[in-house]
């Protein structure tokens, strides 16, 4: 997300380093849905095949969307559990 000119200096430093979360609209779940819809038919057949996802909204000097797509196996792996993308019991 673009860094607003009105952002306080302390926050601006973090934002310029890419270390400050964006907590305003648009909602992250709406952005995820948008990109899944856009990628349907291009990166995968249909977005119903997506079973795992992780998203962060952050301020950046160069606003952009980075999307990484990786094919996974049907069994939940320890890495998916440890990296926080799957809740543990």
C-alpha atoms as a PDB file:
ATOM      1  CA  UNK A   1       0.000   0.000   0.000  1.00  0.00           C
ATOM      2  CA  UNK A   2       1.254   3.508  -0.681  1.00  0.00           C
ATOM      3  CA  UNK A   3       2.681   5.453   2.253  1.00  0.00           C
ATOM      4  CA  UNK A   4       0.484   8.459   3.066  1.00  0.00           C
ATOM      5  CA  UNK A   5       2.210  11.838   3.205  1.00  0.00           C
ATOM      6  CA  UNK A   6       0.495  12.498   6.541  1.00  0.00           C
ATOM      7  CA  UNK A   7       2.075   9.473   8.271  1.00  0.00           C
ATOM      8  CA  UNK A   8       4.076  10.358  11.418  1.00  0.00           C
ATOM      9  CA  UNK A   9       7.878  10.213  11.016  1.00  0.00           C
ATOM     10  CA  UNK A  10       8.411   7.220  13.342  1.00  0.00           C
ATOM     11  CA  UNK A  11       5.847   5.171  11.445  1.00  0.00           C
ATOM     12  CA  UNK A  12       7.133   6.444   8.086  1.00  0.00           C
ATOM     13  CA  UNK A  13      10.626   5.055   8.791  1.00  0.00           C
ATOM     14  CA  UNK A  14       9.151   1.611   9.446  1.00  0.00           C
ATOM     15  CA  UNK A  15       6.867   1.881   6.416  1.00  0.00           C
ATOM     16  CA  UNK A  16       9.764   2.818   4.131  1.00  0.00           C
ATOM     17  CA  UNK A  17      11.577  -0.314   5.340  1.00  0.00           C
ATOM     18  CA  UNK A  18       8.485  -2.407   4.564  1.00  0.00           C
ATOM     19  CA  UNK A  19       7.950  -3.188   8.257  1.00  0.00           C
ATOM     20  CA  UNK A  20       4.683  -1.394   8.997  1.00  0.00           C
ATOM     21  CA  UNK A  21       1.324  -3.123   8.537  1.00  0.00           C
ATOM     22  CA  UNK A  22      -1.556  -1.447   6.730  1.00  0.00           C
ATOM     23  CA  UNK A  23      -4.656  -1.769   8.948  1.00  0.00           C
ATOM     24  CA  UNK A  24      -7.184   0.298   7.028  1.00  0.00           C
ATOM     25  CA  UNK A  25      -9.495  -0.462   4.112  1.00  0.00           C
ATOM     26  CA  UNK A  26      -9.506  -2.410   1.869  1.00  0.00           C
ATOM     27  CA  UNK A  27      -9.945  -5.467   4.054  1.00  0.00           C
ATOM     28  CA  UNK A  28      -7.349  -8.178   3.466  1.00  0.00           C
ATOM     29  CA  UNK A  29     -10.023 -10.852   2.923  1.00  0.00           C
ATOM     30  CA  UNK A  30     -11.519  -8.802   0.089  1.00  0.00           C
ATOM     31  CA  UNK A  31      -8.097  -8.437  -1.516  1.00  0.00           C
ATOM     32  CA  UNK A  32      -7.510 -12.192  -1.262  1.00  0.00           C
ATOM     33  CA  UNK A  33     -10.887 -12.877  -2.913  1.00  0.00           C
ATOM     34  CA  UNK A  34     -10.126 -10.354  -5.667  1.00  0.00           C
ATOM     35  CA  UNK A  35      -6.778 -11.937  -6.545  1.00  0.00           C
ATOM     36  CA  UNK A  36      -8.157 -15.478  -6.379  1.00  0.00           C
ATOM     37  CA  UNK A  37     -10.917 -14.478  -8.804  1.00  0.00           C
ATOM     38  CA  UNK A  38      -8.416 -12.769 -11.124  1.00  0.00           C
ATOM     39  CA  UNK A  39      -6.107 -15.801 -11.129  1.00  0.00           C
ATOM     40  CA  UNK A  40      -8.912 -18.328 -11.754  1.00  0.00           C
ATOM     41  CA  UNK A  41      -8.437 -19.768 -15.218  1.00  0.00           C
ATOM     42  CA  UNK A  42      -4.900 -18.335 -15.427  1.00  0.00           C
ATOM     43  CA  UNK A  43      -2.790 -19.748 -12.596  1.00  0.00           C
ATOM     44  CA  UNK A  44      -5.223 -22.522 -11.623  1.00  0.00           C
ATOM     45  CA  UNK A  45      -8.421 -23.962 -13.043  1.00  0.00           C
ATOM     46  CA  UNK A  46     -10.743 -22.596 -10.356  1.00  0.00           C
ATOM     47  CA  UNK A  47     -10.181 -20.861  -7.024  1.00  0.00           C
ATOM     48  CA  UNK A  48     -11.989 -23.667  -5.196  1.00  0.00           C
ATOM     49  CA  UNK A  49      -8.753 -25.700  -5.512  1.00  0.00           C
ATOM     50  CA  UNK A  50      -6.922 -23.245  -3.228  1.00  0.00           C
ATOM     51  CA  UNK A  51      -6.685 -24.722   0.276  1.00  0.00           C
ATOM     52  CA  UNK A  52      -4.036 -22.616   1.963  1.00  0.00           C
ATOM     53  CA  UNK A  53      -3.271 -18.918   1.976  1.00  0.00           C
ATOM     54  CA  UNK A  54      -1.392 -16.237   3.832  1.00  0.00           C
ATOM     55  CA  UNK A  55      -1.556 -12.488   3.334  1.00  0.00           C
ATOM     56  CA  UNK A  56      -0.014  -9.345   4.797  1.00  0.00           C
ATOM     57  CA  UNK A  57      -0.990  -5.776   3.943  1.00  0.00           C
ATOM     58  CA  UNK A  58       1.984  -3.473   4.420  1.00  0.00           C
ATOM     59  CA  UNK A  59       3.016   0.009   3.412  1.00  0.00           C
ATOM     60  CA  UNK A  60       5.736   0.279   0.785  1.00  0.00           C
ATOM     61  CA  UNK A  61       7.717   2.889  -1.098  1.00  0.00           C
ATOM     62  CA  UNK A  62       6.893   0.800  -4.190  1.00  0.00           C
ATOM     63  CA  UNK A  63       3.236  -0.276  -3.721  1.00  0.00           C
ATOM     64  CA  UNK A  64       2.600  -3.637  -5.344  1.00  0.00           C
ATOM     65  CA  UNK A  65       1.062  -7.050  -4.946  1.00  0.00           C
ATOM     66  CA  UNK A  66       3.393 -10.037  -4.694  1.00  0.00           C
ATOM     67  CA  UNK A  67       1.747 -13.409  -5.219  1.00  0.00           C
ATOM     68  CA  UNK A  68       3.544 -16.710  -4.759  1.00  0.00           C
ATOM     69  CA  UNK A  69       1.813 -19.878  -5.891  1.00  0.00           C
ATOM     70  CA  UNK A  70       3.015 -23.296  -4.856  1.00  0.00           C
ATOM     71  CA  UNK A  71       1.438 -26.664  -5.484  1.00  0.00           C
ATOM     72  CA  UNK A  72       0.991 -28.618  -2.276  1.00  0.00           C
ATOM     73  CA  UNK A  73       0.103 -32.163  -1.325  1.00  0.00           C
ATOM     74  CA  UNK A  74      -3.262 -33.150   0.204  1.00  0.00           C
ATOM     75  CA  UNK A  75      -1.638 -34.049   3.546  1.00  0.00           C
ATOM     76  CA  UNK A  76      -0.866 -31.142   5.914  1.00  0.00           C
ATOM     77  CA  UNK A  77       2.899 -30.893   6.400  1.00  0.00           C
ATOM     78  CA  UNK A  78       4.862 -29.878   9.484  1.00  0.00           C
ATOM     79  CA  UNK A  79       6.082 -26.751   7.621  1.00  0.00           C
ATOM     80  CA  UNK A  80       2.510 -25.609   7.008  1.00  0.00           C
ATOM     81  CA  UNK A  81       1.861 -26.054  10.724  1.00  0.00           C
ATOM     82  CA  UNK A  82       5.065 -24.373  11.926  1.00  0.00           C
ATOM     83  CA  UNK A  83       4.976 -21.322   9.655  1.00  0.00           C
ATOM     84  CA  UNK A  84       1.588 -20.322  11.027  1.00  0.00           C
ATOM     85  CA  UNK A  85      -0.452 -20.959   7.906  1.00  0.00           C
ATOM     86  CA  UNK A  86      -2.387 -23.802   9.522  1.00  0.00           C
ATOM     87  CA  UNK A  87      -3.811 -23.700  13.063  1.00  0.00           C
ATOM     88  CA  UNK A  88      -2.577 -26.382  15.438  1.00  0.00           C
ATOM     89  CA  UNK A  89      -4.848 -28.318  17.776  1.00  0.00           C
END
